Amino acid sequence: MNDIVERSLTVRANNNLIMKSDEVWQFGTMANGCYHEIKLAMKLNKRIRFFSVGKKVDDIKEMAIDELTFEEELINEFDADKFLAELKKYHKGK
């Protein structure tokens, strides 16, 4: 929201949407906020899908876990290999 709204309010609103949703879709390179939303979705046992982004509809494709990319800021904050292994295990149970 480009700091138009207090960040904590945005986080709460996004978390409420995740709690009410049947599944969570994540598009493009994963940022810190997306990572935490995915973790919440896993905790709530939601279906999670990952998609590429593009300028045309045909450029948007569902992605496998191995194709996920992460923003540099996030890479410096977490263990990507551990998270990817956790996601793979989670998806096997779905």
PDB file of N, CA and C in Angstrom:
ATOM      1  N   MET A   1       0.831  -1.200   0.000  1.00  0.00           N
ATOM      2  CA  MET A   1       0.000   0.000   0.000  1.00  0.00           C
ATOM      3  C   MET A   1       0.872   1.260   0.000  1.00  0.00           C
ATOM      4  N   ASN A   2       2.159   1.104  -0.246  1.00  0.00           N
ATOM      5  CA  ASN A   2       3.071   2.249  -0.348  1.00  0.00           C
ATOM      6  C   ASN A   2       2.980   3.196   0.836  1.00  0.00           C
ATOM      7  N   ASP A   3       2.841   2.631   2.024  1.00  0.00           N
ATOM      8  CA  ASP A   3       2.810   3.411   3.267  1.00  0.00           C
ATOM      9  C   ASP A   3       1.638   4.384   3.365  1.00  0.00           C
ATOM     10  N   ILE A   4       0.604   4.187   2.547  1.00  0.00           N
ATOM     11  CA  ILE A   4      -0.602   4.993   2.659  1.00  0.00           C
ATOM     12  C   ILE A   4      -1.375   4.576   3.904  1.00  0.00           C
ATOM     13  N   VAL A   5      -1.307   3.283   4.201  1.00  0.00           N
ATOM     14  CA  VAL A   5      -1.977   2.701   5.363  1.00  0.00           C
ATOM     15  C   VAL A   5      -0.890   2.098   6.247  1.00  0.00           C
ATOM     16  N   GLU A   6      -1.069   2.183   7.547  1.00  0.00           N
ATOM     17  CA  GLU A   6      -0.100   1.615   8.477  1.00  0.00           C
ATOM     18  C   GLU A   6       0.135   0.140   8.143  1.00  0.00           C
ATOM     19  N   ARG A   7       1.386  -0.263   8.132  1.00  0.00           N
ATOM     20  CA  ARG A   7       1.760  -1.626   7.727  1.00  0.00           C
ATOM     21  C   ARG A   7       1.039  -2.701   8.549  1.00  0.00           C
ATOM     22  N   SER A   8       0.914  -2.504   9.844  1.00  0.00           N
ATOM     23  CA  SER A   8       0.272  -3.519  10.683  1.00  0.00           C
ATOM     24  C   SER A   8      -1.193  -3.719  10.285  1.00  0.00           C
ATOM     25  N   LEU A   9      -1.855  -2.661   9.845  1.00  0.00           N
ATOM     26  CA  LEU A   9      -3.240  -2.777   9.388  1.00  0.00           C
ATOM     27  C   LEU A   9      -3.309  -3.595   8.096  1.00  0.00           C
ATOM     28  N   THR A  10      -2.376  -3.360   7.202  1.00  0.00           N
ATOM     29  CA  THR A  10      -2.315  -4.122   5.951  1.00  0.00           C
ATOM     30  C   THR A  10      -2.057  -5.599   6.236  1.00  0.00           C
ATOM     31  N   VAL A  11      -1.135  -5.879   7.149  1.00  0.00           N
ATOM     32  CA  VAL A  11      -0.830  -7.263   7.505  1.00  0.00           C
ATOM     33  C   VAL A  11      -2.061  -7.950   8.086  1.00  0.00           C
ATOM     34  N   ARG A  12      -2.748  -7.286   8.991  1.00  0.00           N
ATOM     35  CA  ARG A  12      -3.960  -7.865   9.584  1.00  0.00           C
ATOM     36  C   ARG A  12      -5.024  -8.123   8.525  1.00  0.00           C
ATOM     37  N   ALA A  13      -5.202  -7.176   7.623  1.00  0.00           N
ATOM     38  CA  ALA A  13      -6.203  -7.342   6.559  1.00  0.00           C
ATOM     39  C   ALA A  13      -5.842  -8.534   5.667  1.00  0.00           C
ATOM     40  N   ASN A  14      -4.583  -8.646   5.278  1.00  0.00           N
ATOM     41  CA  ASN A  14      -4.153  -9.771   4.445  1.00  0.00           C
ATOM     42  C   ASN A  14      -4.338 -11.094   5.179  1.00  0.00           C
ATOM     43  N   ASN A  15      -3.988 -11.126   6.457  1.00  0.00           N
ATOM     44  CA  ASN A  15      -4.157 -12.352   7.236  1.00  0.00           C
ATOM     45  C   ASN A  15      -5.633 -12.743   7.341  1.00  0.00           C
ATOM     46  N   ASN A  16      -6.503 -11.757   7.496  1.00  0.00           N
ATOM     47  CA  ASN A  16      -7.946 -12.047   7.535  1.00  0.00           C
ATOM     48  C   ASN A  16      -8.421 -12.637   6.213  1.00  0.00           C
ATOM     49  N   LEU A  17      -7.916 -12.115   5.102  1.00  0.00           N
ATOM     50  CA  LEU A  17      -8.279 -12.670   3.789  1.00  0.00           C
ATOM     51  C   LEU A  17      -7.813 -14.118   3.670  1.00  0.00           C
ATOM     52  N   ILE A  18      -6.614 -14.395   4.138  1.00  0.00           N
ATOM     53  CA  ILE A  18      -6.094 -15.761   4.081  1.00  0.00           C
ATOM     54  C   ILE A  18      -6.959 -16.693   4.928  1.00  0.00           C
ATOM     55  N   MET A  19      -7.343 -16.230   6.109  1.00  0.00           N
ATOM     56  CA  MET A  19      -8.171 -17.066   6.982  1.00  0.00           C
ATOM     57  C   MET A  19      -9.518 -17.391   6.348  1.00  0.00           C
ATOM     58  N   LYS A  20     -10.061 -16.487   5.548  1.00  0.00           N
ATOM     59  CA  LYS A  20     -11.376 -16.678   4.939  1.00  0.00           C
ATOM     60  C   LYS A  20     -11.309 -17.403   3.586  1.00  0.00           C
ATOM     61  N   SER A  21     -10.125 -17.495   3.010  1.00  0.00           N
ATOM     62  CA  SER A  21      -9.994 -18.066   1.671  1.00  0.00           C
ATOM     63  C   SER A  21      -9.959 -19.589   1.683  1.00  0.00           C
ATOM     64  N   ASP A  22     -10.266 -20.171   0.536  1.00  0.00           N
ATOM     65  CA  ASP A  22     -10.147 -21.615   0.359  1.00  0.00           C
ATOM     66  C   ASP A  22      -8.720 -21.995  -0.029  1.00  0.00           C
ATOM     67  N   GLU A  23      -8.078 -21.118  -0.797  1.00  0.00           N
ATOM     68  CA  GLU A  23      -6.705 -21.354  -1.197  1.00  0.00           C
ATOM     69  C   GLU A  23      -5.990 -20.028  -1.379  1.00  0.00           C
ATOM     70  N   VAL A  24      -4.662 -20.089  -1.399  1.00  0.00           N
ATOM     71  CA  VAL A  24      -3.835 -18.886  -1.512  1.00  0.00           C
ATOM     72  C   VAL A  24      -2.999 -19.000  -2.776  1.00  0.00           C
ATOM     73  N   TRP A  25      -2.988 -17.931  -3.563  1.00  0.00           N
ATOM     74  CA  TRP A  25      -2.184 -17.867  -4.773  1.00  0.00           C
ATOM     75  C   TRP A  25      -1.090 -16.836  -4.562  1.00  0.00           C
ATOM     76  N   GLN A  26       0.126 -17.188  -4.949  1.00  0.00           N
ATOM     77  CA  GLN A  26       1.253 -16.274  -4.847  1.00  0.00           C
ATOM     78  C   GLN A  26       1.815 -16.081  -6.241  1.00  0.00           C
ATOM     79  N   PHE A  27       2.057 -14.823  -6.621  1.00  0.00           N
ATOM     80  CA  PHE A  27       2.514 -14.493  -7.967  1.00  0.00           C
ATOM     81  C   PHE A  27       3.914 -13.899  -7.941  1.00  0.00           C
ATOM     82  N   GLY A  28       4.774 -14.389  -8.829  1.00  0.00           N
ATOM     83  CA  GLY A  28       6.089 -13.796  -9.028  1.00  0.00           C
ATOM     84  C   GLY A  28       7.064 -14.086  -7.905  1.00  0.00           C
ATOM     85  N   THR A  29       8.078 -13.241  -7.840  1.00  0.00           N
ATOM     86  CA  THR A  29       9.127 -13.380  -6.841  1.00  0.00           C
ATOM     87  C   THR A  29       8.548 -13.151  -5.448  1.00  0.00           C
ATOM     88  N   MET A  30       8.872 -14.059  -4.537  1.00  0.00           N
ATOM     89  CA  MET A  30       8.305 -13.996  -3.196  1.00  0.00           C
ATOM     90  C   MET A  30       9.049 -12.968  -2.336  1.00  0.00           C
ATOM     91  N   ALA A  31       8.269 -12.075  -1.742  1.00  0.00           N
ATOM     92  CA  ALA A  31       8.792 -11.070  -0.823  1.00  0.00           C
ATOM     93  C   ALA A  31       8.557 -11.530   0.610  1.00  0.00           C
ATOM     94  N   ASN A  32       9.073 -10.786   1.556  1.00  0.00           N
ATOM     95  CA  ASN A  32       8.947 -11.108   2.974  1.00  0.00           C
ATOM     96  C   ASN A  32       7.491 -11.285   3.393  1.00  0.00           C
ATOM     97  N   GLY A  33       6.626 -10.355   3.012  1.00  0.00           N
ATOM     98  CA  GLY A  33       5.215 -10.439   3.389  1.00  0.00           C
ATOM     99  C   GLY A  33       4.544 -11.671   2.816  1.00  0.00           C
ATOM    100  N   CYS A  34       4.860 -11.996   1.570  1.00  0.00           N
ATOM    101  CA  CYS A  34       4.297 -13.197   0.936  1.00  0.00           C
ATOM    102  C   CYS A  34       4.747 -14.449   1.671  1.00  0.00           C
ATOM    103  N   TYR A  35       6.013 -14.478   2.066  1.00  0.00           N
ATOM    104  CA  TYR A  35       6.534 -15.621   2.808  1.00  0.00           C
ATOM    105  C   TYR A  35       5.712 -15.862   4.070  1.00  0.00           C
ATOM    106  N   HIS A  36       5.456 -14.803   4.826  1.00  0.00           N
ATOM    107  CA  HIS A  36       4.690 -14.944   6.061  1.00  0.00           C
ATOM    108  C   HIS A  36       3.237 -15.336   5.788  1.00  0.00           C
ATOM    109  N   GLU A  37       2.676 -14.856   4.689  1.00  0.00           N
ATOM    110  CA  GLU A  37       1.318 -15.244   4.307  1.00  0.00           C
ATOM    111  C   GLU A  37       1.267 -16.728   3.927  1.00  0.00           C
ATOM    112  N   ILE A  38       2.276 -17.213   3.234  1.00  0.00           N
ATOM    113  CA  ILE A  38       2.343 -18.628   2.868  1.00  0.00           C
ATOM    114  C   ILE A  38       2.470 -19.482   4.134  1.00  0.00           C
ATOM    115  N   LYS A  39       3.309 -19.034   5.070  1.00  0.00           N
ATOM    116  CA  LYS A  39       3.458 -19.769   6.335  1.00  0.00           C
ATOM    117  C   LYS A  39       2.115 -19.834   7.078  1.00  0.00           C
ATOM    118  N   LEU A  40       1.365 -18.732   7.093  1.00  0.00           N
ATOM    119  CA  LEU A  40       0.047 -18.724   7.732  1.00  0.00           C
ATOM    120  C   LEU A  40      -0.898 -19.686   7.005  1.00  0.00           C
ATOM    121  N   ALA A  41      -0.884 -19.648   5.687  1.00  0.00           N
ATOM    122  CA  ALA A  41      -1.737 -20.545   4.903  1.00  0.00           C
ATOM    123  C   ALA A  41      -1.423 -22.006   5.210  1.00  0.00           C
ATOM    124  N   MET A  42      -0.153 -22.325   5.374  1.00  0.00           N
ATOM    125  CA  MET A  42       0.237 -23.689   5.719  1.00  0.00           C
ATOM    126  C   MET A  42      -0.290 -24.060   7.109  1.00  0.00           C
ATOM    127  N   LYS A  43      -0.154 -23.136   8.044  1.00  0.00           N
ATOM    128  CA  LYS A  43      -0.640 -23.378   9.408  1.00  0.00           C
ATOM    129  C   LYS A  43      -2.150 -23.635   9.407  1.00  0.00           C
ATOM    130  N   LEU A  44      -2.865 -22.950   8.511  1.00  0.00           N
ATOM    131  CA  LEU A  44      -4.318 -23.079   8.420  1.00  0.00           C
ATOM    132  C   LEU A  44      -4.750 -24.193   7.461  1.00  0.00           C
ATOM    133  N   ASN A  45      -3.767 -24.914   6.928  1.00  0.00           N
ATOM    134  CA  ASN A  45      -4.029 -26.043   6.035  1.00  0.00           C
ATOM    135  C   ASN A  45      -4.747 -25.634   4.746  1.00  0.00           C
ATOM    136  N   LYS A  46      -4.360 -24.502   4.189  1.00  0.00           N
ATOM    137  CA  LYS A  46      -4.944 -24.006   2.936  1.00  0.00           C
ATOM    138  C   LYS A  46      -4.180 -24.575   1.738  1.00  0.00           C
ATOM    139  N   ARG A  47      -4.854 -24.706   0.635  1.00  0.00           N
ATOM    140  CA  ARG A  47      -4.190 -25.062  -0.619  1.00  0.00           C
ATOM    141  C   ARG A  47      -3.404 -23.840  -1.074  1.00  0.00           C
ATOM    142  N   ILE A  48      -2.183 -24.060  -1.543  1.00  0.00           N
ATOM    143  CA  ILE A  48      -1.315 -22.965  -1.979  1.00  0.00           C
ATOM    144  C   ILE A  48      -0.859 -23.243  -3.401  1.00  0.00           C
ATOM    145  N   ARG A  49      -0.978 -22.212  -4.252  1.00  0.00           N
ATOM    146  CA  ARG A  49      -0.546 -22.327  -5.645  1.00  0.00           C
ATOM    147  C   ARG A  49       0.379 -21.164  -5.962  1.00  0.00           C
ATOM    148  N   PHE A  50       1.332 -21.416  -6.858  1.00  0.00           N
ATOM    149  CA  PHE A  50       2.327 -20.415  -7.217  1.00  0.00           C
ATOM    150  C   PHE A  50       2.263 -20.156  -8.719  1.00  0.00           C
ATOM    151  N   PHE A  51       2.363 -18.882  -9.096  1.00  0.00           N
ATOM    152  CA  PHE A  51       2.251 -18.491 -10.501  1.00  0.00           C
ATOM    153  C   PHE A  51       3.355 -17.514 -10.885  1.00  0.00           C
ATOM    154  N   SER A  52       3.755 -17.579 -12.143  1.00  0.00           N
ATOM    155  CA  SER A  52       4.664 -16.581 -12.690  1.00  0.00           C
ATOM    156  C   SER A  52       3.862 -15.314 -12.978  1.00  0.00           C
ATOM    157  N   VAL A  53       4.543 -14.249 -13.292  1.00  0.00           N
ATOM    158  CA  VAL A  53       3.880 -13.015 -13.707  1.00  0.00           C
ATOM    159  C   VAL A  53       4.354 -12.658 -15.108  1.00  0.00           C
ATOM    160  N   GLY A  54       3.584 -11.860 -15.801  1.00  0.00           N
ATOM    161  CA  GLY A  54       3.948 -11.451 -17.141  1.00  0.00           C
ATOM    162  C   GLY A  54       3.053 -10.343 -17.637  1.00  0.00           C
ATOM    163  N   LYS A  55       3.410  -9.795 -18.772  1.00  0.00           N
ATOM    164  CA  LYS A  55       2.641  -8.691 -19.353  1.00  0.00           C
ATOM    165  C   LYS A  55       1.402  -9.185 -20.089  1.00  0.00           C
ATOM    166  N   LYS A  56       1.409 -10.448 -20.504  1.00  0.00           N
ATOM    167  CA  LYS A  56       0.277 -11.032 -21.215  1.00  0.00           C
ATOM    168  C   LYS A  56      -0.252 -12.219 -20.416  1.00  0.00           C
ATOM    169  N   VAL A  57      -1.527 -12.518 -20.594  1.00  0.00           N
ATOM    170  CA  VAL A  57      -2.144 -13.638 -19.891  1.00  0.00           C
ATOM    171  C   VAL A  57      -1.380 -14.930 -20.162  1.00  0.00           C
ATOM    172  N   ASP A  58      -0.938 -15.115 -21.396  1.00  0.00           N
ATOM    173  CA  ASP A  58      -0.213 -16.335 -21.755  1.00  0.00           C
ATOM    174  C   ASP A  58       1.121 -16.461 -21.032  1.00  0.00           C
ATOM    175  N   ASP A  59       1.630 -15.366 -20.485  1.00  0.00           N
ATOM    176  CA  ASP A  59       2.897 -15.389 -19.745  1.00  0.00           C
ATOM    177  C   ASP A  59       2.721 -15.893 -18.315  1.00  0.00           C
ATOM    178  N   ILE A  60       1.489 -15.959 -17.847  1.00  0.00           N
ATOM    179  CA  ILE A  60       1.218 -16.371 -16.469  1.00  0.00           C
ATOM    180  C   ILE A  60       0.975 -17.873 -16.451  1.00  0.00           C
ATOM    181  N   LYS A  61       1.863 -18.572 -15.761  1.00  0.00           N
ATOM    182  CA  LYS A  61       1.806 -20.040 -15.699  1.00  0.00           C
ATOM    183  C   LYS A  61       1.928 -20.483 -14.253  1.00  0.00           C
ATOM    184  N   GLU A  62       1.280 -21.597 -13.932  1.00  0.00           N
ATOM    185  CA  GLU A  62       1.465 -22.167 -12.606  1.00  0.00           C
ATOM    186  C   GLU A  62       2.895 -22.700 -12.511  1.00  0.00           C
ATOM    187  N   MET A  63       3.514 -22.470 -11.359  1.00  0.00           N
ATOM    188  CA  MET A  63       4.906 -22.840 -11.156  1.00  0.00           C
ATOM    189  C   MET A  63       5.039 -23.973 -10.149  1.00  0.00           C
ATOM    190  N   ALA A  64       6.050 -24.798 -10.361  1.00  0.00           N
ATOM    191  CA  ALA A  64       6.406 -25.832  -9.386  1.00  0.00           C
ATOM    192  C   ALA A  64       7.197 -25.174  -8.256  1.00  0.00           C
ATOM    193  N   ILE A  65       7.245 -25.817  -7.133  1.00  0.00           N
ATOM    194  CA  ILE A  65       7.971 -25.280  -5.986  1.00  0.00           C
ATOM    195  C   ILE A  65       9.432 -25.015  -6.325  1.00  0.00           C
ATOM    196  N   ASP A  66      10.035 -25.880  -7.118  1.00  0.00           N
ATOM    197  CA  ASP A  66      11.444 -25.708  -7.496  1.00  0.00           C
ATOM    198  C   ASP A  66      11.681 -24.464  -8.350  1.00  0.00           C
ATOM    199  N   GLU A  67      10.646 -23.884  -8.901  1.00  0.00           N
ATOM    200  CA  GLU A  67      10.780 -22.698  -9.746  1.00  0.00           C
ATOM    201  C   GLU A  67      10.645 -21.389  -8.971  1.00  0.00           C
ATOM    202  N   LEU A  68      10.318 -21.469  -7.691  1.00  0.00           N
ATOM    203  CA  LEU A  68      10.103 -20.254  -6.897  1.00  0.00           C
ATOM    204  C   LEU A  68      11.384 -19.438  -6.782  1.00  0.00           C
ATOM    205  N   THR A  69      11.205 -18.123  -6.796  1.00  0.00           N
ATOM    206  CA  THR A  69      12.321 -17.198  -6.588  1.00  0.00           C
ATOM    207  C   THR A  69      11.971 -16.280  -5.429  1.00  0.00           C
ATOM    208  N   PHE A  70      13.001 -15.718  -4.811  1.00  0.00           N
ATOM    209  CA  PHE A  70      12.819 -14.907  -3.614  1.00  0.00           C
ATOM    210  C   PHE A  70      13.543 -13.580  -3.754  1.00  0.00           C
ATOM    211  N   GLU A  71      12.929 -12.532  -3.203  1.00  0.00           N
ATOM    212  CA  GLU A  71      13.584 -11.229  -3.183  1.00  0.00           C
ATOM    213  C   GLU A  71      14.842 -11.309  -2.324  1.00  0.00           C
ATOM    214  N   GLU A  72      15.835 -10.535  -2.682  1.00  0.00           N
ATOM    215  CA  GLU A  72      17.122 -10.536  -1.977  1.00  0.00           C
ATOM    216  C   GLU A  72      16.958 -10.310  -0.482  1.00  0.00           C
ATOM    217  N   GLU A  73      16.098  -9.370  -0.109  1.00  0.00           N
ATOM    218  CA  GLU A  73      15.858  -9.080   1.307  1.00  0.00           C
ATOM    219  C   GLU A  73      15.410 -10.322   2.064  1.00  0.00           C
ATOM    220  N   LEU A  74      14.527 -11.104   1.449  1.00  0.00           N
ATOM    221  CA  LEU A  74      14.032 -12.316   2.088  1.00  0.00           C
ATOM    222  C   LEU A  74      15.122 -13.381   2.160  1.00  0.00           C
ATOM    223  N   ILE A  75      15.900 -13.525   1.114  1.00  0.00           N
ATOM    224  CA  ILE A  75      16.970 -14.519   1.092  1.00  0.00           C
ATOM    225  C   ILE A  75      17.924 -14.305   2.268  1.00  0.00           C
ATOM    226  N   ASN A  76      18.145 -13.059   2.622  1.00  0.00           N
ATOM    227  CA  ASN A  76      19.045 -12.740   3.728  1.00  0.00           C
ATOM    228  C   ASN A  76      18.429 -13.023   5.093  1.00  0.00           C
ATOM    229  N   GLU A  77      17.123 -13.277   5.146  1.00  0.00           N
ATOM    230  CA  GLU A  77      16.420 -13.442   6.420  1.00  0.00           C
ATOM    231  C   GLU A  77      16.022 -14.878   6.750  1.00  0.00           C
ATOM    232  N   PHE A  78      16.089 -15.783   5.787  1.00  0.00           N
ATOM    233  CA  PHE A  78      15.587 -17.133   6.052  1.00  0.00           C
ATOM    234  C   PHE A  78      16.397 -18.156   5.276  1.00  0.00           C
ATOM    235  N   ASP A  79      16.171 -19.415   5.584  1.00  0.00           N
ATOM    236  CA  ASP A  79      16.837 -20.524   4.905  1.00  0.00           C
ATOM    237  C   ASP A  79      15.928 -21.011   3.776  1.00  0.00           C
ATOM    238  N   ALA A  80      16.230 -20.589   2.553  1.00  0.00           N
ATOM    239  CA  ALA A  80      15.372 -20.909   1.405  1.00  0.00           C
ATOM    240  C   ALA A  80      15.261 -22.413   1.189  1.00  0.00           C
ATOM    241  N   ASP A  81      16.366 -23.141   1.324  1.00  0.00           N
ATOM    242  CA  ASP A  81      16.324 -24.594   1.097  1.00  0.00           C
ATOM    243  C   ASP A  81      15.400 -25.281   2.106  1.00  0.00           C
ATOM    244  N   LYS A  82      15.478 -24.850   3.347  1.00  0.00           N
ATOM    245  CA  LYS A  82      14.611 -25.425   4.392  1.00  0.00           C
ATOM    246  C   LYS A  82      13.141 -25.119   4.087  1.00  0.00           C
ATOM    247  N   PHE A  83      12.853 -23.881   3.678  1.00  0.00           N
ATOM    248  CA  PHE A  83      11.485 -23.490   3.349  1.00  0.00           C
ATOM    249  C   PHE A  83      10.955 -24.290   2.154  1.00  0.00           C
ATOM    250  N   LEU A  84      11.772 -24.439   1.108  1.00  0.00           N
ATOM    251  CA  LEU A  84      11.347 -25.201  -0.071  1.00  0.00           C
ATOM    252  C   LEU A  84      11.075 -26.659   0.290  1.00  0.00           C
ATOM    253  N   ALA A  85      11.917 -27.244   1.138  1.00  0.00           N
ATOM    254  CA  ALA A  85      11.688 -28.630   1.582  1.00  0.00           C
ATOM    255  C   ALA A  85      10.389 -28.719   2.375  1.00  0.00           C
ATOM    256  N   GLU A  86      10.127 -27.727   3.220  1.00  0.00           N
ATOM    257  CA  GLU A  86       8.887 -27.682   3.999  1.00  0.00           C
ATOM    258  C   GLU A  86       7.667 -27.584   3.076  1.00  0.00           C
ATOM    259  N   LEU A  87       7.773 -26.737   2.048  1.00  0.00           N
ATOM    260  CA  LEU A  87       6.681 -26.592   1.074  1.00  0.00           C
ATOM    261  C   LEU A  87       6.419 -27.896   0.319  1.00  0.00           C
ATOM    262  N   LYS A  88       7.484 -28.559  -0.095  1.00  0.00           N
ATOM    263  CA  LYS A  88       7.326 -29.823  -0.825  1.00  0.00           C
ATOM    264  C   LYS A  88       6.625 -30.861   0.039  1.00  0.00           C
ATOM    265  N   LYS A  89       7.040 -30.957   1.289  1.00  0.00           N
ATOM    266  CA  LYS A  89       6.401 -31.899   2.219  1.00  0.00           C
ATOM    267  C   LYS A  89       4.942 -31.533   2.411  1.00  0.00           C
ATOM    268  N   TYR A  90       4.653 -30.247   2.557  1.00  0.00           N
ATOM    269  CA  TYR A  90       3.287 -29.766   2.732  1.00  0.00           C
ATOM    270  C   TYR A  90       2.425 -30.135   1.518  1.00  0.00           C
ATOM    271  N   HIS A  91       2.955 -29.895   0.317  1.00  0.00           N
ATOM    272  CA  HIS A  91       2.186 -30.168  -0.912  1.00  0.00           C
ATOM    273  C   HIS A  91       1.934 -31.658  -1.109  1.00  0.00           C
ATOM    274  N   LYS A  92       2.840 -32.507  -0.648  1.00  0.00           N
ATOM    275  CA  LYS A  92       2.619 -33.958  -0.776  1.00  0.00           C
ATOM    276  C   LYS A  92       1.395 -34.393   0.015  1.00  0.00           C
ATOM    277  N   GLY A  93       1.118 -33.690   1.095  1.00  0.00           N
ATOM    278  CA  GLY A  93      -0.035 -34.017   1.923  1.00  0.00           C
ATOM    279  C   GLY A  93      -1.346 -33.468   1.386  1.00  0.00           C
ATOM    280  N   LYS A  94      -1.309 -32.719   0.315  1.00  0.00           N
ATOM    281  CA  LYS A  94      -2.509 -32.109  -0.251  1.00  0.00           C
ATOM    282  C   LYS A  94      -3.085 -32.931  -1.368  1.00  0.00           C
TER     283      LYS A  94
END
